Amino acid sequence: MKGISLSAAFIAIVSLALFGAGCNPFQSAQEKAEEKAAEKMTEKMLESMGGENVDVDVSDGGDAATVKIDNEDGSGEMMFGDEVELPDDLSDSVLIYDDATPMSVIRNLGGNRGAMITLKTDASIDDAADWYAEQYKDAGWEQEQTVSLNDTKMLGFTKDGEEVLVTFGPDEKDGDTMISINWSVDN
């Protein structure tokens, strides 16, 4: 009986020390269970919105998270965070402004070939818009749209069945410029 009490006391002390030091051996399992529950909930929500047999896989990469979605129409992915890593196979039609930080990438959802990328830069809206207009023109794209409204600009380009819409606006929080690039291909 005394041996059991000492063993229990030893386990209790070690457990308190480990848990108190942030070494919860169950924390990883709990986080994994919460992640799987969130994936299942997201799948059910997307399926109820008409996305039959959706499979969602969420992975956390430090400052960014990736959500992969697979269904009958194909697969797609969404990446969000402070510094998202751009996919290696992103189309060359999507131009990334120099020194801009990728904040999100959404691509190939619903079986459609396309992407939406959000960038953040400390360049002015006018400088970024001028750069995109020049780069797409030099690459043979036709500028079909130019819209300026208050602090926002929008440029639209087409080439060989592809469309790119680039929107520029202020980030009210820190004064930076947000750039949204929407690229699509006629299917």
N, C-alpha and C. Protein backbone atom coordinates (compact mmCIF):
# COMPACT_ATOMS: atom_id res chain seq x y z
N MET A 1 0.83 -1.18 0.00
CA MET A 1 0.00 0.00 0.00
C MET A 1 0.87 1.25 0.00
N LYS A 2 1.97 1.18 0.81
CA LYS A 2 2.87 2.31 0.90
C LYS A 2 3.55 2.54 -0.46
N GLY A 3 3.92 1.44 -1.16
CA GLY A 3 4.54 1.53 -2.47
C GLY A 3 3.62 2.17 -3.49
N ILE A 4 2.34 1.88 -3.43
CA ILE A 4 1.36 2.46 -4.35
C ILE A 4 1.22 3.95 -4.08
N SER A 5 1.19 4.33 -2.81
CA SER A 5 1.07 5.74 -2.45
C SER A 5 2.28 6.53 -2.92
N LEU A 6 3.48 5.96 -2.74
CA LEU A 6 4.69 6.64 -3.19
C LEU A 6 4.72 6.75 -4.71
N SER A 7 4.30 5.71 -5.40
CA SER A 7 4.25 5.74 -6.87
C SER A 7 3.26 6.78 -7.35
N ALA A 8 2.09 6.82 -6.71
CA ALA A 8 1.08 7.80 -7.09
C ALA A 8 1.58 9.21 -6.84
N ALA A 9 2.25 9.40 -5.69
CA ALA A 9 2.78 10.72 -5.37
C ALA A 9 3.85 11.12 -6.38
N PHE A 10 4.74 10.18 -6.74
CA PHE A 10 5.78 10.45 -7.72
C PHE A 10 5.18 10.84 -9.07
N ILE A 11 4.17 10.08 -9.53
CA ILE A 11 3.50 10.38 -10.80
C ILE A 11 2.85 11.75 -10.75
N ALA A 12 2.20 12.04 -9.62
CA ALA A 12 1.53 13.34 -9.48
C ALA A 12 2.54 14.48 -9.54
N ILE A 13 3.68 14.34 -8.86
CA ILE A 13 4.70 15.39 -8.85
C ILE A 13 5.30 15.57 -10.24
N VAL A 14 5.65 14.46 -10.89
CA VAL A 14 6.22 14.54 -12.25
C VAL A 14 5.21 15.15 -13.21
N SER A 15 3.95 14.75 -13.10
CA SER A 15 2.90 15.29 -13.97
C SER A 15 2.75 16.78 -13.77
N LEU A 16 2.70 17.20 -12.51
CA LEU A 16 2.58 18.64 -12.24
C LEU A 16 3.77 19.40 -12.78
N ALA A 17 4.96 18.84 -12.63
CA ALA A 17 6.16 19.50 -13.13
C ALA A 17 6.13 19.61 -14.65
N LEU A 18 5.76 18.52 -15.31
CA LEU A 18 5.70 18.54 -16.77
C LEU A 18 4.60 19.47 -17.29
N PHE A 19 3.41 19.35 -16.72
CA PHE A 19 2.31 20.19 -17.17
C PHE A 19 2.61 21.66 -16.87
N GLY A 20 3.17 21.92 -15.70
CA GLY A 20 3.49 23.29 -15.31
C GLY A 20 4.57 23.89 -16.18
N ALA A 21 5.46 23.07 -16.70
CA ALA A 21 6.55 23.56 -17.55
C ALA A 21 6.14 23.63 -19.02
N GLY A 22 4.87 23.41 -19.30
CA GLY A 22 4.41 23.48 -20.68
C GLY A 22 4.69 22.23 -21.48
N CYS A 23 4.99 21.14 -20.81
CA CYS A 23 5.30 19.88 -21.49
C CYS A 23 4.13 18.93 -21.40
N ASN A 24 2.98 19.37 -21.71
CA ASN A 24 1.78 18.55 -21.63
C ASN A 24 1.84 17.47 -22.70
N PRO A 25 2.02 16.23 -22.33
CA PRO A 25 2.13 15.17 -23.33
C PRO A 25 0.81 14.94 -24.07
N PHE A 26 -0.29 15.44 -23.54
CA PHE A 26 -1.59 15.26 -24.18
C PHE A 26 -1.96 16.44 -25.07
N GLN A 27 -1.20 17.55 -24.98
CA GLN A 27 -1.52 18.76 -25.73
C GLN A 27 -1.50 18.50 -27.23
N SER A 28 -0.50 17.81 -27.71
CA SER A 28 -0.41 17.52 -29.13
C SER A 28 -1.61 16.70 -29.61
N ALA A 29 -1.99 15.72 -28.83
CA ALA A 29 -3.15 14.89 -29.19
C ALA A 29 -4.42 15.73 -29.17
N GLN A 30 -4.54 16.62 -28.18
CA GLN A 30 -5.72 17.47 -28.09
C GLN A 30 -5.79 18.42 -29.28
N GLU A 31 -4.66 19.04 -29.65
CA GLU A 31 -4.63 19.95 -30.80
C GLU A 31 -4.99 19.20 -32.09
N LYS A 32 -4.48 17.99 -32.23
CA LYS A 32 -4.77 17.17 -33.42
C LYS A 32 -6.26 16.83 -33.47
N ALA A 33 -6.84 16.50 -32.33
CA ALA A 33 -8.27 16.18 -32.28
C ALA A 33 -9.11 17.41 -32.61
N GLU A 34 -8.71 18.58 -32.10
CA GLU A 34 -9.43 19.82 -32.41
C GLU A 34 -9.32 20.16 -33.89
N GLU A 35 -8.13 19.93 -34.48
CA GLU A 35 -7.93 20.19 -35.90
C GLU A 35 -8.82 19.29 -36.75
N LYS A 36 -8.87 18.01 -36.41
CA LYS A 36 -9.72 17.06 -37.15
C LYS A 36 -11.19 17.43 -37.01
N ALA A 37 -11.60 17.84 -35.82
CA ALA A 37 -13.00 18.24 -35.61
C ALA A 37 -13.34 19.46 -36.45
N ALA A 38 -12.41 20.42 -36.53
CA ALA A 38 -12.63 21.61 -37.35
C ALA A 38 -12.70 21.24 -38.83
N GLU A 39 -11.86 20.30 -39.26
CA GLU A 39 -11.90 19.84 -40.65
C GLU A 39 -13.26 19.22 -40.97
N LYS A 40 -13.73 18.35 -40.10
CA LYS A 40 -15.03 17.68 -40.32
C LYS A 40 -16.17 18.69 -40.34
N MET A 41 -16.12 19.66 -39.43
CA MET A 41 -17.17 20.68 -39.39
C MET A 41 -17.16 21.50 -40.68
N THR A 42 -15.97 21.87 -41.16
CA THR A 42 -15.85 22.63 -42.40
C THR A 42 -16.35 21.81 -43.58
N GLU A 43 -16.00 20.53 -43.62
CA GLU A 43 -16.48 19.65 -44.69
C GLU A 43 -18.00 19.62 -44.72
N LYS A 44 -18.62 19.44 -43.57
CA LYS A 44 -20.10 19.39 -43.50
C LYS A 44 -20.71 20.71 -43.94
N MET A 45 -20.11 21.82 -43.53
CA MET A 45 -20.62 23.13 -43.91
C MET A 45 -20.53 23.32 -45.43
N LEU A 46 -19.39 22.97 -46.02
CA LEU A 46 -19.23 23.12 -47.46
C LEU A 46 -20.15 22.17 -48.23
N GLU A 47 -20.32 20.96 -47.72
CA GLU A 47 -21.22 20.00 -48.37
C GLU A 47 -22.66 20.50 -48.32
N SER A 48 -23.06 21.14 -47.22
CA SER A 48 -24.42 21.66 -47.11
C SER A 48 -24.66 22.83 -48.06
N MET A 49 -23.57 23.46 -48.50
CA MET A 49 -23.67 24.58 -49.44
C MET A 49 -23.59 24.09 -50.89
N GLY A 50 -23.67 22.79 -51.10
CA GLY A 50 -23.68 22.25 -52.45
C GLY A 50 -22.38 21.61 -52.88
N GLY A 51 -21.39 21.56 -52.02
CA GLY A 51 -20.12 20.93 -52.36
C GLY A 51 -20.12 19.48 -51.94
N GLU A 52 -20.70 18.63 -52.74
CA GLU A 52 -20.85 17.22 -52.38
C GLU A 52 -19.50 16.56 -52.13
N ASN A 53 -19.45 15.70 -51.11
CA ASN A 53 -18.27 14.91 -50.77
C ASN A 53 -16.99 15.74 -50.73
N VAL A 54 -16.98 16.75 -49.92
CA VAL A 54 -15.82 17.62 -49.77
C VAL A 54 -14.89 17.03 -48.73
N ASP A 55 -13.60 17.03 -49.03
CA ASP A 55 -12.58 16.58 -48.08
C ASP A 55 -11.68 17.77 -47.78
N VAL A 56 -11.60 18.18 -46.53
CA VAL A 56 -10.80 19.33 -46.12
C VAL A 56 -9.63 18.83 -45.29
N ASP A 57 -8.44 19.32 -45.60
CA ASP A 57 -7.24 18.99 -44.84
C ASP A 57 -6.57 20.30 -44.46
N VAL A 58 -6.47 20.57 -43.17
CA VAL A 58 -5.88 21.81 -42.68
C VAL A 58 -4.50 21.50 -42.11
N SER A 59 -3.52 22.29 -42.51
CA SER A 59 -2.20 22.15 -41.92
C SER A 59 -1.69 23.53 -41.54
N ASP A 60 -0.96 23.58 -40.44
CA ASP A 60 -0.45 24.83 -39.90
C ASP A 60 1.05 24.86 -40.12
N GLY A 61 1.50 25.89 -40.83
CA GLY A 61 2.92 26.02 -41.10
C GLY A 61 3.53 27.22 -40.41
N GLY A 62 3.37 27.34 -39.11
CA GLY A 62 3.94 28.45 -38.37
C GLY A 62 3.08 29.69 -38.50
N ASP A 63 3.49 30.62 -39.37
CA ASP A 63 2.75 31.87 -39.56
C ASP A 63 1.70 31.76 -40.64
N ALA A 64 1.48 30.59 -41.20
CA ALA A 64 0.49 30.42 -42.26
C ALA A 64 -0.24 29.09 -42.09
N ALA A 65 -1.46 29.05 -42.57
CA ALA A 65 -2.25 27.82 -42.54
C ALA A 65 -2.71 27.50 -43.95
N THR A 66 -2.81 26.23 -44.27
CA THR A 66 -3.24 25.78 -45.58
C THR A 66 -4.48 24.91 -45.43
N VAL A 67 -5.48 25.16 -46.25
CA VAL A 67 -6.69 24.35 -46.30
C VAL A 67 -6.76 23.75 -47.70
N LYS A 68 -6.74 22.42 -47.79
CA LYS A 68 -6.87 21.75 -49.09
C LYS A 68 -8.26 21.17 -49.17
N ILE A 69 -8.91 21.38 -50.31
CA ILE A 69 -10.27 20.92 -50.51
C ILE A 69 -10.30 20.02 -51.75
N ASP A 70 -10.84 18.82 -51.57
CA ASP A 70 -11.01 17.89 -52.68
C ASP A 70 -12.48 17.53 -52.79
N ASN A 71 -13.00 17.57 -54.02
CA ASN A 71 -14.37 17.11 -54.26
C ASN A 71 -14.47 16.61 -55.70
N GLU A 72 -15.69 16.29 -56.14
CA GLU A 72 -15.87 15.72 -57.47
C GLU A 72 -15.40 16.66 -58.59
N ASP A 73 -15.46 17.97 -58.34
CA ASP A 73 -15.07 18.94 -59.36
C ASP A 73 -13.57 19.15 -59.45
N GLY A 74 -12.84 18.61 -58.52
CA GLY A 74 -11.39 18.80 -58.52
C GLY A 74 -10.90 19.16 -57.15
N SER A 75 -9.71 19.72 -57.10
CA SER A 75 -9.15 20.09 -55.80
C SER A 75 -8.71 21.53 -55.85
N GLY A 76 -8.61 22.10 -54.69
CA GLY A 76 -8.15 23.47 -54.58
C GLY A 76 -7.53 23.67 -53.22
N GLU A 77 -6.96 24.84 -53.03
CA GLU A 77 -6.37 25.10 -51.73
C GLU A 77 -6.45 26.58 -51.40
N MET A 78 -6.45 26.84 -50.11
CA MET A 78 -6.44 28.20 -49.59
C MET A 78 -5.33 28.28 -48.56
N MET A 79 -4.50 29.31 -48.68
CA MET A 79 -3.40 29.52 -47.74
C MET A 79 -3.52 30.93 -47.18
N PHE A 80 -3.45 31.06 -45.86
CA PHE A 80 -3.59 32.35 -45.21
C PHE A 80 -2.52 32.50 -44.14
N GLY A 81 -2.10 33.73 -43.90
CA GLY A 81 -1.16 33.98 -42.82
C GLY A 81 -0.39 35.26 -43.03
N ASP A 82 0.58 35.48 -42.16
CA ASP A 82 1.38 36.70 -42.25
C ASP A 82 2.40 36.64 -43.38
N GLU A 83 2.88 35.46 -43.69
CA GLU A 83 3.84 35.31 -44.79
C GLU A 83 3.60 33.97 -45.47
N VAL A 84 2.65 33.97 -46.38
CA VAL A 84 2.28 32.75 -47.09
C VAL A 84 3.35 32.43 -48.13
N GLU A 85 3.69 31.17 -48.24
CA GLU A 85 4.63 30.74 -49.27
C GLU A 85 3.86 30.52 -50.57
N LEU A 86 4.30 31.19 -51.63
CA LEU A 86 3.62 31.04 -52.92
C LEU A 86 3.91 29.66 -53.50
N PRO A 87 2.91 29.01 -54.08
CA PRO A 87 3.12 27.69 -54.69
C PRO A 87 4.11 27.77 -55.85
N ASP A 88 4.94 26.75 -55.98
CA ASP A 88 5.92 26.70 -57.07
C ASP A 88 5.26 26.64 -58.43
N ASP A 89 4.06 26.04 -58.50
CA ASP A 89 3.40 25.86 -59.79
C ASP A 89 2.36 26.95 -60.09
N LEU A 90 2.48 28.10 -59.42
CA LEU A 90 1.60 29.24 -59.71
C LEU A 90 1.88 29.74 -61.12
N SER A 91 0.85 30.05 -61.86
CA SER A 91 1.00 30.47 -63.25
C SER A 91 1.93 31.68 -63.39
N ASP A 92 2.70 31.68 -64.48
CA ASP A 92 3.55 32.83 -64.79
C ASP A 92 2.73 34.07 -65.10
N SER A 93 1.45 33.90 -65.34
CA SER A 93 0.56 35.03 -65.62
C SER A 93 0.28 35.86 -64.37
N VAL A 94 0.54 35.28 -63.22
CA VAL A 94 0.35 35.99 -61.95
C VAL A 94 1.67 36.65 -61.59
N LEU A 95 1.71 37.97 -61.74
CA LEU A 95 2.94 38.70 -61.43
C LEU A 95 2.91 39.15 -59.97
N ILE A 96 4.04 39.00 -59.30
CA ILE A 96 4.14 39.34 -57.89
C ILE A 96 5.01 40.60 -57.77
N TYR A 97 4.43 41.63 -57.18
CA TYR A 97 5.12 42.91 -57.02
C TYR A 97 6.40 42.72 -56.19
N ASP A 98 7.47 43.38 -56.61
CA ASP A 98 8.76 43.30 -55.91
C ASP A 98 8.59 43.68 -54.45
N ASP A 99 9.19 42.92 -53.58
CA ASP A 99 9.21 43.16 -52.14
C ASP A 99 7.84 43.11 -51.48
N ALA A 100 6.83 42.57 -52.16
CA ALA A 100 5.51 42.43 -51.55
C ALA A 100 5.48 41.13 -50.73
N THR A 101 4.69 41.15 -49.68
CA THR A 101 4.55 39.98 -48.81
C THR A 101 3.23 39.28 -49.13
N PRO A 102 3.27 38.02 -49.54
CA PRO A 102 2.03 37.28 -49.79
C PRO A 102 1.27 37.05 -48.49
N MET A 103 -0.02 37.39 -48.48
CA MET A 103 -0.87 37.23 -47.30
C MET A 103 -1.88 36.10 -47.47
N SER A 104 -2.26 35.82 -48.72
CA SER A 104 -3.19 34.71 -48.95
C SER A 104 -3.09 34.26 -50.41
N VAL A 105 -3.39 32.98 -50.60
CA VAL A 105 -3.50 32.40 -51.94
C VAL A 105 -4.71 31.47 -51.92
N ILE A 106 -5.60 31.66 -52.86
CA ILE A 106 -6.74 30.77 -53.04
C ILE A 106 -6.68 30.34 -54.50
N ARG A 107 -6.70 29.03 -54.74
CA ARG A 107 -6.58 28.62 -56.15
C ARG A 107 -7.31 27.33 -56.45
N ASN A 108 -7.74 27.27 -57.70
CA ASN A 108 -8.34 26.08 -58.30
C ASN A 108 -9.54 25.55 -57.53
N LEU A 109 -10.37 26.42 -57.00
CA LEU A 109 -11.55 25.97 -56.27
C LEU A 109 -12.67 25.60 -57.24
N GLY A 110 -13.42 24.58 -56.91
CA GLY A 110 -14.57 24.18 -57.72
C GLY A 110 -14.21 23.68 -59.10
N GLY A 111 -12.99 23.19 -59.26
CA GLY A 111 -12.59 22.65 -60.55
C GLY A 111 -12.21 23.71 -61.57
N ASN A 112 -12.26 24.97 -61.19
CA ASN A 112 -11.88 26.06 -62.10
C ASN A 112 -10.40 26.38 -61.94
N ARG A 113 -9.74 26.56 -63.07
CA ARG A 113 -8.33 26.92 -63.03
C ARG A 113 -8.23 28.42 -62.81
N GLY A 114 -7.65 28.81 -61.72
CA GLY A 114 -7.53 30.23 -61.41
C GLY A 114 -6.95 30.42 -60.03
N ALA A 115 -6.72 31.67 -59.67
CA ALA A 115 -6.13 31.96 -58.38
C ALA A 115 -6.48 33.38 -57.96
N MET A 116 -6.50 33.58 -56.66
CA MET A 116 -6.61 34.92 -56.09
C MET A 116 -5.51 35.04 -55.05
N ILE A 117 -4.64 36.03 -55.24
CA ILE A 117 -3.50 36.22 -54.36
C ILE A 117 -3.62 37.61 -53.74
N THR A 118 -3.40 37.70 -52.45
CA THR A 118 -3.39 38.98 -51.77
C THR A 118 -1.98 39.25 -51.28
N LEU A 119 -1.50 40.45 -51.61
CA LEU A 119 -0.15 40.87 -51.24
C LEU A 119 -0.21 42.14 -50.41
N LYS A 120 0.84 42.38 -49.68
CA LYS A 120 0.96 43.61 -48.89
C LYS A 120 2.31 44.22 -49.19
N THR A 121 2.33 45.54 -49.43
CA THR A 121 3.59 46.22 -49.74
C THR A 121 3.59 47.60 -49.11
N ASP A 122 4.77 48.16 -48.93
CA ASP A 122 4.84 49.53 -48.42
C ASP A 122 4.91 50.54 -49.57
N ALA A 123 4.86 50.07 -50.81
CA ALA A 123 4.83 50.97 -51.98
C ALA A 123 3.48 51.69 -52.02
N SER A 124 3.44 52.81 -52.69
CA SER A 124 2.18 53.54 -52.82
C SER A 124 1.27 52.81 -53.81
N ILE A 125 -0.01 53.11 -53.73
CA ILE A 125 -0.98 52.51 -54.66
C ILE A 125 -0.61 52.88 -56.09
N ASP A 126 -0.27 54.14 -56.34
CA ASP A 126 0.07 54.58 -57.69
C ASP A 126 1.32 53.87 -58.22
N ASP A 127 2.35 53.73 -57.38
CA ASP A 127 3.58 53.06 -57.82
C ASP A 127 3.30 51.60 -58.16
N ALA A 128 2.54 50.92 -57.31
CA ALA A 128 2.22 49.51 -57.57
C ALA A 128 1.37 49.37 -58.83
N ALA A 129 0.37 50.22 -59.00
CA ALA A 129 -0.50 50.16 -60.18
C ALA A 129 0.29 50.44 -61.46
N ASP A 130 1.17 51.42 -61.41
CA ASP A 130 2.00 51.73 -62.59
C ASP A 130 2.90 50.55 -62.94
N TRP A 131 3.46 49.88 -61.93
CA TRP A 131 4.33 48.73 -62.17
C TRP A 131 3.56 47.61 -62.86
N TYR A 132 2.36 47.30 -62.35
CA TYR A 132 1.55 46.24 -62.96
C TYR A 132 1.14 46.59 -64.38
N ALA A 133 0.74 47.83 -64.62
CA ALA A 133 0.34 48.25 -65.97
C ALA A 133 1.50 48.07 -66.95
N GLU A 134 2.69 48.46 -66.53
CA GLU A 134 3.87 48.34 -67.39
C GLU A 134 4.26 46.88 -67.62
N GLN A 135 4.27 46.08 -66.54
CA GLN A 135 4.68 44.68 -66.66
C GLN A 135 3.75 43.87 -67.55
N TYR A 136 2.44 44.05 -67.37
CA TYR A 136 1.50 43.29 -68.21
C TYR A 136 1.53 43.78 -69.65
N LYS A 137 1.67 45.08 -69.86
CA LYS A 137 1.77 45.61 -71.23
C LYS A 137 3.01 45.04 -71.92
N ASP A 138 4.14 45.04 -71.22
CA ASP A 138 5.39 44.52 -71.79
C ASP A 138 5.31 43.03 -72.10
N ALA A 139 4.44 42.31 -71.37
CA ALA A 139 4.28 40.87 -71.59
C ALA A 139 3.21 40.56 -72.64
N GLY A 140 2.68 41.60 -73.29
CA GLY A 140 1.73 41.39 -74.38
C GLY A 140 0.27 41.30 -73.96
N TRP A 141 -0.05 41.66 -72.74
CA TRP A 141 -1.43 41.65 -72.27
C TRP A 141 -2.14 42.92 -72.72
N GLU A 142 -3.43 42.80 -72.98
CA GLU A 142 -4.27 43.94 -73.36
C GLU A 142 -4.94 44.48 -72.10
N GLN A 143 -4.74 45.79 -71.85
CA GLN A 143 -5.40 46.39 -70.68
C GLN A 143 -6.82 46.76 -71.08
N GLU A 144 -7.79 46.07 -70.48
CA GLU A 144 -9.20 46.24 -70.81
C GLU A 144 -9.93 47.15 -69.83
N GLN A 145 -9.37 47.33 -68.64
CA GLN A 145 -10.07 48.05 -67.58
C GLN A 145 -9.12 48.91 -66.78
N THR A 146 -9.57 50.11 -66.46
CA THR A 146 -8.88 50.98 -65.52
C THR A 146 -9.96 51.70 -64.73
N VAL A 147 -9.97 51.49 -63.43
CA VAL A 147 -10.96 52.12 -62.57
C VAL A 147 -10.24 52.73 -61.38
N SER A 148 -10.57 53.97 -61.08
CA SER A 148 -10.07 54.64 -59.87
C SER A 148 -11.26 55.18 -59.12
N LEU A 149 -11.33 54.82 -57.85
CA LEU A 149 -12.44 55.29 -57.02
C LEU A 149 -11.90 55.53 -55.62
N ASN A 150 -11.93 56.79 -55.20
CA ASN A 150 -11.38 57.18 -53.90
C ASN A 150 -9.94 56.70 -53.79
N ASP A 151 -9.64 55.86 -52.81
CA ASP A 151 -8.27 55.38 -52.60
C ASP A 151 -8.00 54.04 -53.25
N THR A 152 -8.89 53.59 -54.14
CA THR A 152 -8.78 52.26 -54.73
C THR A 152 -8.58 52.37 -56.23
N LYS A 153 -7.75 51.46 -56.76
CA LYS A 153 -7.56 51.35 -58.21
C LYS A 153 -7.77 49.91 -58.62
N MET A 154 -8.21 49.73 -59.87
CA MET A 154 -8.41 48.40 -60.41
C MET A 154 -7.96 48.40 -61.86
N LEU A 155 -7.16 47.40 -62.23
CA LEU A 155 -6.68 47.23 -63.60
C LEU A 155 -7.07 45.84 -64.08
N GLY A 156 -7.61 45.75 -65.30
CA GLY A 156 -7.99 44.46 -65.87
C GLY A 156 -7.24 44.19 -67.15
N PHE A 157 -6.72 42.98 -67.29
CA PHE A 157 -5.92 42.59 -68.46
C PHE A 157 -6.42 41.27 -69.02
N THR A 158 -6.28 41.09 -70.35
CA THR A 158 -6.63 39.82 -71.00
C THR A 158 -5.53 39.42 -71.97
N LYS A 159 -5.41 38.11 -72.15
CA LYS A 159 -4.46 37.57 -73.13
C LYS A 159 -4.73 36.08 -73.30
N ASP A 160 -4.95 35.65 -74.53
CA ASP A 160 -5.06 34.23 -74.87
C ASP A 160 -6.02 33.45 -73.96
N GLY A 161 -7.20 33.99 -73.72
CA GLY A 161 -8.19 33.29 -72.91
C GLY A 161 -7.98 33.40 -71.41
N GLU A 162 -7.01 34.19 -71.00
CA GLU A 162 -6.75 34.40 -69.58
C GLU A 162 -7.16 35.82 -69.21
N GLU A 163 -7.58 36.00 -67.97
CA GLU A 163 -7.92 37.32 -67.46
C GLU A 163 -7.21 37.54 -66.14
N VAL A 164 -6.73 38.76 -65.94
CA VAL A 164 -6.13 39.15 -64.67
C VAL A 164 -6.76 40.47 -64.26
N LEU A 165 -7.25 40.51 -63.04
CA LEU A 165 -7.81 41.72 -62.45
C LEU A 165 -6.98 42.04 -61.22
N VAL A 166 -6.35 43.20 -61.19
CA VAL A 166 -5.49 43.59 -60.08
C VAL A 166 -6.13 44.79 -59.38
N THR A 167 -6.36 44.65 -58.09
CA THR A 167 -6.99 45.71 -57.31
C THR A 167 -6.01 46.20 -56.25
N PHE A 168 -5.98 47.51 -56.05
CA PHE A 168 -5.06 48.14 -55.11
C PHE A 168 -5.86 48.97 -54.12
N GLY A 169 -5.55 48.86 -52.86
CA GLY A 169 -6.24 49.65 -51.85
C GLY A 169 -5.39 49.81 -50.62
N PRO A 170 -5.76 50.77 -49.78
CA PRO A 170 -4.98 51.00 -48.57
C PRO A 170 -5.30 50.00 -47.47
N ASP A 171 -4.29 49.65 -46.71
CA ASP A 171 -4.48 48.88 -45.48
C ASP A 171 -4.62 49.92 -44.38
N GLU A 172 -5.84 50.16 -43.94
CA GLU A 172 -6.12 51.20 -42.97
C GLU A 172 -5.36 51.02 -41.66
N LYS A 173 -5.01 49.78 -41.35
CA LYS A 173 -4.36 49.48 -40.08
C LYS A 173 -2.95 50.06 -40.00
N ASP A 174 -2.16 49.89 -41.07
CA ASP A 174 -0.77 50.34 -40.98
C ASP A 174 -0.31 51.21 -42.15
N GLY A 175 -1.24 51.59 -43.02
CA GLY A 175 -0.89 52.49 -44.11
C GLY A 175 -0.23 51.84 -45.31
N ASP A 176 -0.04 50.53 -45.27
CA ASP A 176 0.54 49.83 -46.42
C ASP A 176 -0.48 49.73 -47.55
N THR A 177 -0.05 49.20 -48.67
CA THR A 177 -0.93 48.97 -49.82
C THR A 177 -1.23 47.48 -49.93
N MET A 178 -2.50 47.17 -50.08
CA MET A 178 -2.93 45.79 -50.31
C MET A 178 -3.17 45.62 -51.81
N ILE A 179 -2.67 44.52 -52.35
CA ILE A 179 -2.83 44.20 -53.77
C ILE A 179 -3.55 42.86 -53.86
N SER A 180 -4.63 42.83 -54.63
CA SER A 180 -5.35 41.58 -54.85
C SER A 180 -5.27 41.25 -56.34
N ILE A 181 -4.77 40.07 -56.64
CA ILE A 181 -4.62 39.62 -58.03
C ILE A 181 -5.59 38.46 -58.25
N ASN A 182 -6.51 38.63 -59.19
CA ASN A 182 -7.46 37.57 -59.54
C ASN A 182 -7.11 37.12 -60.95
N TRP A 183 -6.72 35.85 -61.08
CA TRP A 183 -6.34 35.30 -62.38
C TRP A 183 -7.30 34.15 -62.70
N SER A 184 -7.81 34.16 -63.92
CA SER A 184 -8.71 33.08 -64.33
C SER A 184 -8.45 32.71 -65.79
N VAL A 185 -8.82 31.49 -66.11
CA VAL A 185 -8.67 30.96 -67.46
C VAL A 185 -10.03 30.52 -67.95
N ASP A 186 -10.38 30.87 -69.19
CA ASP A 186 -11.63 30.37 -69.77
C ASP A 186 -11.53 28.87 -69.91
N ASN A 187 -12.49 28.16 -69.33
CA ASN A 187 -12.48 26.69 -69.41
C ASN A 187 -13.04 26.20 -70.70
